[in-house]
Amino acid sequence: MPTIRGKSLKAITFDIAEGYVVVNPLFLKSLDNASLQGLYHELMKTQTAIRSEKFPHSDAKAIRWRNTRLTRLHAATMIIKNFARERRVIIV
C-alpha cells in the first residue's frame, strides 16, 4: 500500500479535508504514478464518505464546515487531474 511521508493515503486525504495538507504541484512532484492514482481514488472515497454523513439541517456552522471540507477535496482532485494530464498519467 502506497504511503506519502510515512502516512497512509486515507490519513492524507482526511488531512487535506481538514486543511492540514495543501495539494499543489510541488507536493505532487515527488509522487510516483501509483501513489498519484491511489491518492486520487482515496480522495474520491473520502468525498463520498463526507457526503454520506447525515446533513446538519439546522446548524449553519456545521453546514459551512462540511462544504469547506468538500471544497478542499474537490480542489485537490482537480489539481491532481491536471497534474496527471501534464505527466501523461491515466488516473481513472
PDB file of N, CA and C in Angstrom:
ATOM      1  N   MET A   1       0.839  -1.184   0.000  1.00  0.00           N
ATOM      2  CA  MET A   1       0.000   0.000   0.000  1.00  0.00           C
ATOM      3  C   MET A   1       0.877   1.238   0.000  1.00  0.00           C
ATOM      4  N   PRO A   2       0.662   2.139  -0.953  1.00  0.00           N
ATOM      5  CA  PRO A   2       1.496   3.339  -1.027  1.00  0.00           C
ATOM      6  C   PRO A   2       1.271   4.273   0.166  1.00  0.00           C
ATOM      7  N   THR A   3       2.322   4.924   0.565  1.00  0.00           N
ATOM      8  CA  THR A   3       2.238   5.916   1.636  1.00  0.00           C
ATOM      9  C   THR A   3       2.891   7.206   1.161  1.00  0.00           C
ATOM     10  N   ILE A   4       2.511   8.286   1.800  1.00  0.00           N
ATOM     11  CA  ILE A   4       3.090   9.591   1.497  1.00  0.00           C
ATOM     12  C   ILE A   4       3.597  10.167   2.811  1.00  0.00           C
ATOM     13  N   ARG A   5       4.885  10.433   2.856  1.00  0.00           N
ATOM     14  CA  ARG A   5       5.521  10.993   4.049  1.00  0.00           C
ATOM     15  C   ARG A   5       5.240  10.172   5.298  1.00  0.00           C
ATOM     16  N   GLY A   6       5.197   8.860   5.139  1.00  0.00           N
ATOM     17  CA  GLY A   6       5.013   7.977   6.270  1.00  0.00           C
ATOM     18  C   GLY A   6       3.578   7.818   6.741  1.00  0.00           C
ATOM     19  N   LYS A   7       2.624   8.396   6.028  1.00  0.00           N
ATOM     20  CA  LYS A   7       1.219   8.284   6.409  1.00  0.00           C
ATOM     21  C   LYS A   7       0.463   7.546   5.318  1.00  0.00           C
ATOM     22  N   SER A   8      -0.608   6.888   5.699  1.00  0.00           N
ATOM     23  CA  SER A   8      -1.421   6.189   4.710  1.00  0.00           C
ATOM     24  C   SER A   8      -2.159   7.209   3.841  1.00  0.00           C
ATOM     25  N   LEU A   9      -2.609   6.749   2.696  1.00  0.00           N
ATOM     26  CA  LEU A   9      -3.322   7.646   1.783  1.00  0.00           C
ATOM     27  C   LEU A   9      -4.634   8.123   2.397  1.00  0.00           C
ATOM     28  N   LYS A  10      -5.292   7.264   3.146  1.00  0.00           N
ATOM     29  CA  LYS A  10      -6.542   7.650   3.791  1.00  0.00           C
ATOM     30  C   LYS A  10      -6.305   8.770   4.801  1.00  0.00           C
ATOM     31  N   ALA A  11      -5.237   8.667   5.574  1.00  0.00           N
ATOM     32  CA  ALA A  11      -4.906   9.704   6.549  1.00  0.00           C
ATOM     33  C   ALA A  11      -4.573  11.020   5.853  1.00  0.00           C
ATOM     34  N   ILE A  12      -3.864  10.936   4.733  1.00  0.00           N
ATOM     35  CA  ILE A  12      -3.527  12.141   3.975  1.00  0.00           C
ATOM     36  C   ILE A  12      -4.795  12.818   3.454  1.00  0.00           C
ATOM     37  N   THR A  13      -5.759  12.029   2.963  1.00  0.00           N
ATOM     38  CA  THR A  13      -6.982  12.634   2.429  1.00  0.00           C
ATOM     39  C   THR A  13      -7.790  13.322   3.523  1.00  0.00           C
ATOM     40  N   PHE A  14      -7.823  12.732   4.714  1.00  0.00           N
ATOM     41  CA  PHE A  14      -8.518  13.418   5.803  1.00  0.00           C
ATOM     42  C   PHE A  14      -7.769  14.673   6.232  1.00  0.00           C
ATOM     43  N   ASP A  15      -6.433  14.659   6.164  1.00  0.00           N
ATOM     44  CA  ASP A  15      -5.657  15.867   6.447  1.00  0.00           C
ATOM     45  C   ASP A  15      -5.929  16.946   5.398  1.00  0.00           C
ATOM     46  N   ILE A  16      -6.101  16.561   4.157  1.00  0.00           N
ATOM     47  CA  ILE A  16      -6.432  17.516   3.101  1.00  0.00           C
ATOM     48  C   ILE A  16      -7.806  18.122   3.374  1.00  0.00           C
ATOM     49  N   ALA A  17      -8.766  17.283   3.748  1.00  0.00           N
ATOM     50  CA  ALA A  17     -10.118  17.770   4.029  1.00  0.00           C
ATOM     51  C   ALA A  17     -10.135  18.721   5.223  1.00  0.00           C
ATOM     52  N   GLU A  18      -9.306  18.441   6.230  1.00  0.00           N
ATOM     53  CA  GLU A  18      -9.263  19.279   7.420  1.00  0.00           C
ATOM     54  C   GLU A  18      -8.441  20.552   7.202  1.00  0.00           C
ATOM     55  N   GLY A  19      -7.640  20.590   6.139  1.00  0.00           N
ATOM     56  CA  GLY A  19      -6.861  21.783   5.844  1.00  0.00           C
ATOM     57  C   GLY A  19      -5.436  21.733   6.353  1.00  0.00           C
ATOM     58  N   TYR A  20      -4.973  20.583   6.831  1.00  0.00           N
ATOM     59  CA  TYR A  20      -3.605  20.461   7.336  1.00  0.00           C
ATOM     60  C   TYR A  20      -2.585  20.273   6.221  1.00  0.00           C
ATOM     61  N   VAL A  21      -3.019  19.722   5.101  1.00  0.00           N
ATOM     62  CA  VAL A  21      -2.138  19.477   3.960  1.00  0.00           C
ATOM     63  C   VAL A  21      -2.726  20.199   2.753  1.00  0.00           C
ATOM     64  N   VAL A  22      -1.873  20.911   2.041  1.00  0.00           N
ATOM     65  CA  VAL A  22      -2.299  21.618   0.833  1.00  0.00           C
ATOM     66  C   VAL A  22      -1.739  20.876  -0.374  1.00  0.00           C
ATOM     67  N   VAL A  23      -2.616  20.582  -1.321  1.00  0.00           N
ATOM     68  CA  VAL A  23      -2.191  19.874  -2.532  1.00  0.00           C
ATOM     69  C   VAL A  23      -1.840  20.905  -3.587  1.00  0.00           C
ATOM     70  N   ASN A  24      -0.612  20.829  -4.067  1.00  0.00           N
ATOM     71  CA  ASN A  24      -0.155  21.684  -5.155  1.00  0.00           C
ATOM     72  C   ASN A  24       0.866  20.886  -5.974  1.00  0.00           C
ATOM     73  N   PRO A  25       1.272  21.408  -7.117  1.00  0.00           N
ATOM     74  CA  PRO A  25       2.223  20.646  -7.947  1.00  0.00           C
ATOM     75  C   PRO A  25       3.535  20.308  -7.238  1.00  0.00           C
ATOM     76  N   LEU A  26       3.993  21.148  -6.325  1.00  0.00           N
ATOM     77  CA  LEU A  26       5.219  20.829  -5.592  1.00  0.00           C
ATOM     78  C   LEU A  26       5.019  19.632  -4.668  1.00  0.00           C
ATOM     79  N   PHE A  27       3.853  19.531  -4.053  1.00  0.00           N
ATOM     80  CA  PHE A  27       3.528  18.393  -3.205  1.00  0.00           C
ATOM     81  C   PHE A  27       3.443  17.109  -4.027  1.00  0.00           C
ATOM     82  N   LEU A  28       2.884  17.206  -5.231  1.00  0.00           N
ATOM     83  CA  LEU A  28       2.662  16.035  -6.079  1.00  0.00           C
ATOM     84  C   LEU A  28       3.904  15.605  -6.848  1.00  0.00           C
ATOM     85  N   LYS A  29       4.879  16.488  -6.966  1.00  0.00           N
ATOM     86  CA  LYS A  29       6.055  16.215  -7.788  1.00  0.00           C
ATOM     87  C   LYS A  29       6.832  14.986  -7.320  1.00  0.00           C
ATOM     88  N   SER A  30       6.860  14.758  -6.033  1.00  0.00           N
ATOM     89  CA  SER A  30       7.647  13.641  -5.508  1.00  0.00           C
ATOM     90  C   SER A  30       6.918  12.298  -5.580  1.00  0.00           C
ATOM     91  N   LEU A  31       5.650  12.290  -5.980  1.00  0.00           N
ATOM     92  CA  LEU A  31       4.867  11.053  -6.009  1.00  0.00           C
ATOM     93  C   LEU A  31       5.081  10.295  -7.311  1.00  0.00           C
ATOM     94  N   ASP A  32       5.102   8.975  -7.209  1.00  0.00           N
ATOM     95  CA  ASP A  32       5.157   8.164  -8.416  1.00  0.00           C
ATOM     96  C   ASP A  32       3.729   7.971  -8.938  1.00  0.00           C
ATOM     97  N   ASN A  33       3.598   7.320 -10.068  1.00  0.00           N
ATOM     98  CA  ASN A  33       2.289   7.187 -10.719  1.00  0.00           C
ATOM     99  C   ASN A  33       1.295   6.394  -9.866  1.00  0.00           C
ATOM    100  N   ALA A  34       1.747   5.339  -9.228  1.00  0.00           N
ATOM    101  CA  ALA A  34       0.851   4.523  -8.402  1.00  0.00           C
ATOM    102  C   ALA A  34       0.338   5.310  -7.199  1.00  0.00           C
ATOM    103  N   SER A  35       1.214   6.084  -6.577  1.00  0.00           N
ATOM    104  CA  SER A  35       0.794   6.897  -5.435  1.00  0.00           C
ATOM    105  C   SER A  35      -0.179   7.985  -5.867  1.00  0.00           C
ATOM    106  N   LEU A  36       0.057   8.558  -7.028  1.00  0.00           N
ATOM    107  CA  LEU A  36      -0.832   9.590  -7.546  1.00  0.00           C
ATOM    108  C   LEU A  36      -2.222   9.023  -7.810  1.00  0.00           C
ATOM    109  N   GLN A  37      -2.278   7.856  -8.428  1.00  0.00           N
ATOM    110  CA  GLN A  37      -3.569   7.209  -8.677  1.00  0.00           C
ATOM    111  C   GLN A  37      -4.251   6.828  -7.365  1.00  0.00           C
ATOM    112  N   GLY A  38      -3.506   6.299  -6.446  1.00  0.00           N
ATOM    113  CA  GLY A  38      -4.074   5.919  -5.152  1.00  0.00           C
ATOM    114  C   GLY A  38      -4.610   7.103  -4.383  1.00  0.00           C
ATOM    115  N   LEU A  39      -3.879   8.219  -4.408  1.00  0.00           N
ATOM    116  CA  LEU A  39      -4.333   9.422  -3.724  1.00  0.00           C
ATOM    117  C   LEU A  39      -5.621   9.941  -4.343  1.00  0.00           C
ATOM    118  N   TYR A  40      -5.705   9.921  -5.659  1.00  0.00           N
ATOM    119  CA  TYR A  40      -6.921  10.375  -6.336  1.00  0.00           C
ATOM    120  C   TYR A  40      -8.120   9.512  -5.934  1.00  0.00           C
ATOM    121  N   HIS A  41      -7.944   8.203  -5.932  1.00  0.00           N
ATOM    122  CA  HIS A  41      -9.054   7.310  -5.595  1.00  0.00           C
ATOM    123  C   HIS A  41      -9.453   7.438  -4.118  1.00  0.00           C
ATOM    124  N   GLU A  42      -8.490   7.647  -3.241  1.00  0.00           N
ATOM    125  CA  GLU A  42      -8.816   7.861  -1.835  1.00  0.00           C
ATOM    126  C   GLU A  42      -9.535   9.184  -1.630  1.00  0.00           C
ATOM    127  N   LEU A  43      -9.173  10.213  -2.395  1.00  0.00           N
ATOM    128  CA  LEU A  43      -9.887  11.486  -2.307  1.00  0.00           C
ATOM    129  C   LEU A  43     -11.346  11.314  -2.707  1.00  0.00           C
ATOM    130  N   MET A  44     -11.581  10.534  -3.742  1.00  0.00           N
ATOM    131  CA  MET A  44     -12.957  10.297  -4.175  1.00  0.00           C
ATOM    132  C   MET A  44     -13.731   9.527  -3.105  1.00  0.00           C
ATOM    133  N   LYS A  45     -13.095   8.548  -2.459  1.00  0.00           N
ATOM    134  CA  LYS A  45     -13.755   7.796  -1.390  1.00  0.00           C
ATOM    135  C   LYS A  45     -14.074   8.695  -0.199  1.00  0.00           C
ATOM    136  N   THR A  46     -13.148   9.591   0.138  1.00  0.00           N
ATOM    137  CA  THR A  46     -13.365  10.496   1.258  1.00  0.00           C
ATOM    138  C   THR A  46     -14.488  11.469   0.954  1.00  0.00           C
ATOM    139  N   GLN A  47     -14.552  11.951  -0.284  1.00  0.00           N
ATOM    140  CA  GLN A  47     -15.667  12.816  -0.679  1.00  0.00           C
ATOM    141  C   GLN A  47     -16.992  12.093  -0.507  1.00  0.00           C
ATOM    142  N   THR A  48     -17.053  10.853  -0.929  1.00  0.00           N
ATOM    143  CA  THR A  48     -18.276  10.067  -0.800  1.00  0.00           C
ATOM    144  C   THR A  48     -18.631   9.859   0.671  1.00  0.00           C
ATOM    145  N   ALA A  49     -17.628   9.617   1.507  1.00  0.00           N
ATOM    146  CA  ALA A  49     -17.875   9.418   2.935  1.00  0.00           C
ATOM    147  C   ALA A  49     -18.434  10.684   3.580  1.00  0.00           C
ATOM    148  N   ILE A  50     -17.893  11.832   3.216  1.00  0.00           N
ATOM    149  CA  ILE A  50     -18.381  13.089   3.789  1.00  0.00           C
ATOM    150  C   ILE A  50     -19.793  13.386   3.294  1.00  0.00           C
ATOM    151  N   ARG A  51     -20.050  13.106   2.036  1.00  0.00           N
ATOM    152  CA  ARG A  51     -21.390  13.336   1.502  1.00  0.00           C
ATOM    153  C   ARG A  51     -22.420  12.394   2.116  1.00  0.00           C
ATOM    154  N   SER A  52     -21.996  11.208   2.522  1.00  0.00           N
ATOM    155  CA  SER A  52     -22.937  10.237   3.073  1.00  0.00           C
ATOM    156  C   SER A  52     -23.255  10.482   4.547  1.00  0.00           C
ATOM    157  N   GLU A  53     -22.503  11.386   5.196  1.00  0.00           N
ATOM    158  CA  GLU A  53     -22.804  11.722   6.583  1.00  0.00           C
ATOM    159  C   GLU A  53     -24.155  12.437   6.647  1.00  0.00           C
ATOM    160  N   LYS A  54     -24.785  12.350   7.791  1.00  0.00           N
ATOM    161  CA  LYS A  54     -26.080  12.999   7.965  1.00  0.00           C
ATOM    162  C   LYS A  54     -25.923  14.514   7.802  1.00  0.00           C
ATOM    163  N   PHE A  55     -26.802  15.116   7.014  1.00  0.00           N
ATOM    164  CA  PHE A  55     -26.719  16.544   6.734  1.00  0.00           C
ATOM    165  C   PHE A  55     -27.236  17.338   7.934  1.00  0.00           C
ATOM    166  N   PRO A  56     -26.468  18.311   8.415  1.00  0.00           N
ATOM    167  CA  PRO A  56     -26.893  19.111   9.574  1.00  0.00           C
ATOM    168  C   PRO A  56     -27.826  20.254   9.147  1.00  0.00           C
ATOM    169  N   HIS A  57     -29.113  20.009   9.093  1.00  0.00           N
ATOM    170  CA  HIS A  57     -30.066  20.971   8.543  1.00  0.00           C
ATOM    171  C   HIS A  57     -30.142  22.287   9.305  1.00  0.00           C
ATOM    172  N   SER A  58     -30.086  22.244  10.617  1.00  0.00           N
ATOM    173  CA  SER A  58     -30.327  23.467  11.389  1.00  0.00           C
ATOM    174  C   SER A  58     -29.052  24.141  11.890  1.00  0.00           C
ATOM    175  N   ASP A  59     -27.908  23.596  11.612  1.00  0.00           N
ATOM    176  CA  ASP A  59     -26.648  24.129  12.130  1.00  0.00           C
ATOM    177  C   ASP A  59     -25.835  24.748  10.993  1.00  0.00           C
ATOM    178  N   ALA A  60     -25.853  26.073  10.913  1.00  0.00           N
ATOM    179  CA  ALA A  60     -25.169  26.776   9.820  1.00  0.00           C
ATOM    180  C   ALA A  60     -23.659  26.579   9.872  1.00  0.00           C
ATOM    181  N   LYS A  61     -23.095  26.551  11.063  1.00  0.00           N
ATOM    182  CA  LYS A  61     -21.647  26.371  11.197  1.00  0.00           C
ATOM    183  C   LYS A  61     -21.220  24.988  10.711  1.00  0.00           C
ATOM    184  N   ALA A  62     -21.994  23.963  11.042  1.00  0.00           N
ATOM    185  CA  ALA A  62     -21.683  22.602  10.601  1.00  0.00           C
ATOM    186  C   ALA A  62     -21.839  22.462   9.088  1.00  0.00           C
ATOM    187  N   ILE A  63     -22.826  23.133   8.518  1.00  0.00           N
ATOM    188  CA  ILE A  63     -23.017  23.109   7.057  1.00  0.00           C
ATOM    189  C   ILE A  63     -21.820  23.755   6.370  1.00  0.00           C
ATOM    190  N   ARG A  64     -21.378  24.880   6.900  1.00  0.00           N
ATOM    191  CA  ARG A  64     -20.224  25.582   6.328  1.00  0.00           C
ATOM    192  C   ARG A  64     -18.972  24.717   6.418  1.00  0.00           C
ATOM    193  N   TRP A  65     -18.769  24.039   7.561  1.00  0.00           N
ATOM    194  CA  TRP A  65     -17.597  23.178   7.736  1.00  0.00           C
ATOM    195  C   TRP A  65     -17.630  22.009   6.754  1.00  0.00           C
ATOM    196  N   ARG A  66     -18.806  21.403   6.586  1.00  0.00           N
ATOM    197  CA  ARG A  66     -18.964  20.295   5.634  1.00  0.00           C
ATOM    198  C   ARG A  66     -18.640  20.755   4.221  1.00  0.00           C
ATOM    199  N   ASN A  67     -19.161  21.898   3.840  1.00  0.00           N
ATOM    200  CA  ASN A  67     -18.924  22.416   2.491  1.00  0.00           C
ATOM    201  C   ASN A  67     -17.465  22.813   2.291  1.00  0.00           C
ATOM    202  N   THR A  68     -16.822  23.314   3.332  1.00  0.00           N
ATOM    203  CA  THR A  68     -15.405  23.658   3.235  1.00  0.00           C
ATOM    204  C   THR A  68     -14.563  22.410   2.991  1.00  0.00           C
ATOM    205  N   ARG A  69     -14.857  21.333   3.723  1.00  0.00           N
ATOM    206  CA  ARG A  69     -14.120  20.084   3.513  1.00  0.00           C
ATOM    207  C   ARG A  69     -14.339  19.549   2.106  1.00  0.00           C
ATOM    208  N   LEU A  70     -15.595  19.585   1.634  1.00  0.00           N
ATOM    209  CA  LEU A  70     -15.876  19.112   0.277  1.00  0.00           C
ATOM    210  C   LEU A  70     -15.179  19.976  -0.772  1.00  0.00           C
ATOM    211  N   THR A  71     -15.108  21.269  -0.538  1.00  0.00           N
ATOM    212  CA  THR A  71     -14.434  22.169  -1.471  1.00  0.00           C
ATOM    213  C   THR A  71     -12.945  21.864  -1.541  1.00  0.00           C
ATOM    214  N   ARG A  72     -12.325  21.626  -0.392  1.00  0.00           N
ATOM    215  CA  ARG A  72     -10.891  21.291  -0.372  1.00  0.00           C
ATOM    216  C   ARG A  72     -10.620  19.998  -1.125  1.00  0.00           C
ATOM    217  N   LEU A  73     -11.463  19.006  -0.912  1.00  0.00           N
ATOM    218  CA  LEU A  73     -11.276  17.725  -1.600  1.00  0.00           C
ATOM    219  C   LEU A  73     -11.485  17.863  -3.101  1.00  0.00           C
ATOM    220  N   HIS A  74     -12.490  18.636  -3.501  1.00  0.00           N
ATOM    221  CA  HIS A  74     -12.746  18.828  -4.921  1.00  0.00           C
ATOM    222  C   HIS A  74     -11.582  19.570  -5.586  1.00  0.00           C
ATOM    223  N   ALA A  75     -11.084  20.602  -4.923  1.00  0.00           N
ATOM    224  CA  ALA A  75      -9.949  21.352  -5.467  1.00  0.00           C
ATOM    225  C   ALA A  75      -8.725  20.444  -5.605  1.00  0.00           C
ATOM    226  N   ALA A  76      -8.507  19.582  -4.624  1.00  0.00           N
ATOM    227  CA  ALA A  76      -7.368  18.657  -4.685  1.00  0.00           C
ATOM    228  C   ALA A  76      -7.515  17.681  -5.853  1.00  0.00           C
ATOM    229  N   THR A  77      -8.727  17.189  -6.105  1.00  0.00           N
ATOM    230  CA  THR A  77      -8.922  16.269  -7.226  1.00  0.00           C
ATOM    231  C   THR A  77      -8.677  16.970  -8.555  1.00  0.00           C
ATOM    232  N   MET A  78      -9.088  18.219  -8.674  1.00  0.00           N
ATOM    233  CA  MET A  78      -8.851  18.960  -9.913  1.00  0.00           C
ATOM    234  C   MET A  78      -7.359  19.201 -10.134  1.00  0.00           C
ATOM    235  N   ILE A  79      -6.643  19.522  -9.081  1.00  0.00           N
ATOM    236  CA  ILE A  79      -5.196  19.736  -9.191  1.00  0.00           C
ATOM    237  C   ILE A  79      -4.506  18.440  -9.594  1.00  0.00           C
ATOM    238  N   ILE A  80      -4.912  17.323  -9.003  1.00  0.00           N
ATOM    239  CA  ILE A  80      -4.322  16.028  -9.343  1.00  0.00           C
ATOM    240  C   ILE A  80      -4.631  15.660 -10.791  1.00  0.00           C
ATOM    241  N   LYS A  81      -5.864  15.890 -11.234  1.00  0.00           N
ATOM    242  CA  LYS A  81      -6.218  15.590 -12.628  1.00  0.00           C
ATOM    243  C   LYS A  81      -5.343  16.375 -13.602  1.00  0.00           C
ATOM    244  N   ASN A  82      -5.170  17.664 -13.355  1.00  0.00           N
ATOM    245  CA  ASN A  82      -4.360  18.491 -14.247  1.00  0.00           C
ATOM    246  C   ASN A  82      -2.885  18.096 -14.186  1.00  0.00           C
ATOM    247  N   PHE A  83      -2.397  17.784 -13.002  1.00  0.00           N
ATOM    248  CA  PHE A  83      -1.011  17.356 -12.859  1.00  0.00           C
ATOM    249  C   PHE A  83      -0.779  16.037 -13.587  1.00  0.00           C
ATOM    250  N   ALA A  84      -1.735  15.115 -13.468  1.00  0.00           N
ATOM    251  CA  ALA A  84      -1.615  13.820 -14.146  1.00  0.00           C
ATOM    252  C   ALA A  84      -1.674  13.993 -15.660  1.00  0.00           C
ATOM    253  N   ARG A  85      -2.499  14.915 -16.120  1.00  0.00           N
ATOM    254  CA  ARG A  85      -2.581  15.154 -17.562  1.00  0.00           C
ATOM    255  C   ARG A  85      -1.247  15.696 -18.078  1.00  0.00           C
ATOM    256  N   GLU A  86      -0.602  16.575 -17.333  1.00  0.00           N
ATOM    257  CA  GLU A  86       0.691  17.099 -17.748  1.00  0.00           C
ATOM    258  C   GLU A  86       1.749  15.997 -17.758  1.00  0.00           C
ATOM    259  N   ARG A  87       1.667  15.076 -16.813  1.00  0.00           N
ATOM    260  CA  ARG A  87       2.601  13.946 -16.743  1.00  0.00           C
ATOM    261  C   ARG A  87       2.241  12.811 -17.679  1.00  0.00           C
ATOM    262  N   ARG A  88       1.069  12.888 -18.279  1.00  0.00           N
ATOM    263  CA  ARG A  88       0.513  11.839 -19.148  1.00  0.00           C
ATOM    264  C   ARG A  88       0.309  10.524 -18.380  1.00  0.00           C
ATOM    265  N   VAL A  89      -0.340  10.672 -17.220  1.00  0.00           N
ATOM    266  CA  VAL A  89      -0.671   9.528 -16.380  1.00  0.00           C
ATOM    267  C   VAL A  89      -2.182   9.373 -16.379  1.00  0.00           C
ATOM    268  N   ILE A  90      -2.658   8.159 -16.582  1.00  0.00           N
ATOM    269  CA  ILE A  90      -4.097   7.897 -16.540  1.00  0.00           C
ATOM    270  C   ILE A  90      -4.473   7.553 -15.111  1.00  0.00           C
ATOM    271  N   ILE A  91      -5.399   8.325 -14.526  1.00  0.00           N
ATOM    272  CA  ILE A  91      -5.762   8.094 -13.121  1.00  0.00           C
ATOM    273  C   ILE A  91      -7.171   7.540 -12.961  1.00  0.00           C
ATOM    274  N   VAL A  92      -7.920   7.430 -14.016  1.00  0.00           N
ATOM    275  CA  VAL A  92      -9.304   6.969 -13.898  1.00  0.00           C
ATOM    276  C   VAL A  92      -9.404   5.518 -13.634  1.00  0.00           C
TER     277      VAL A  92
END
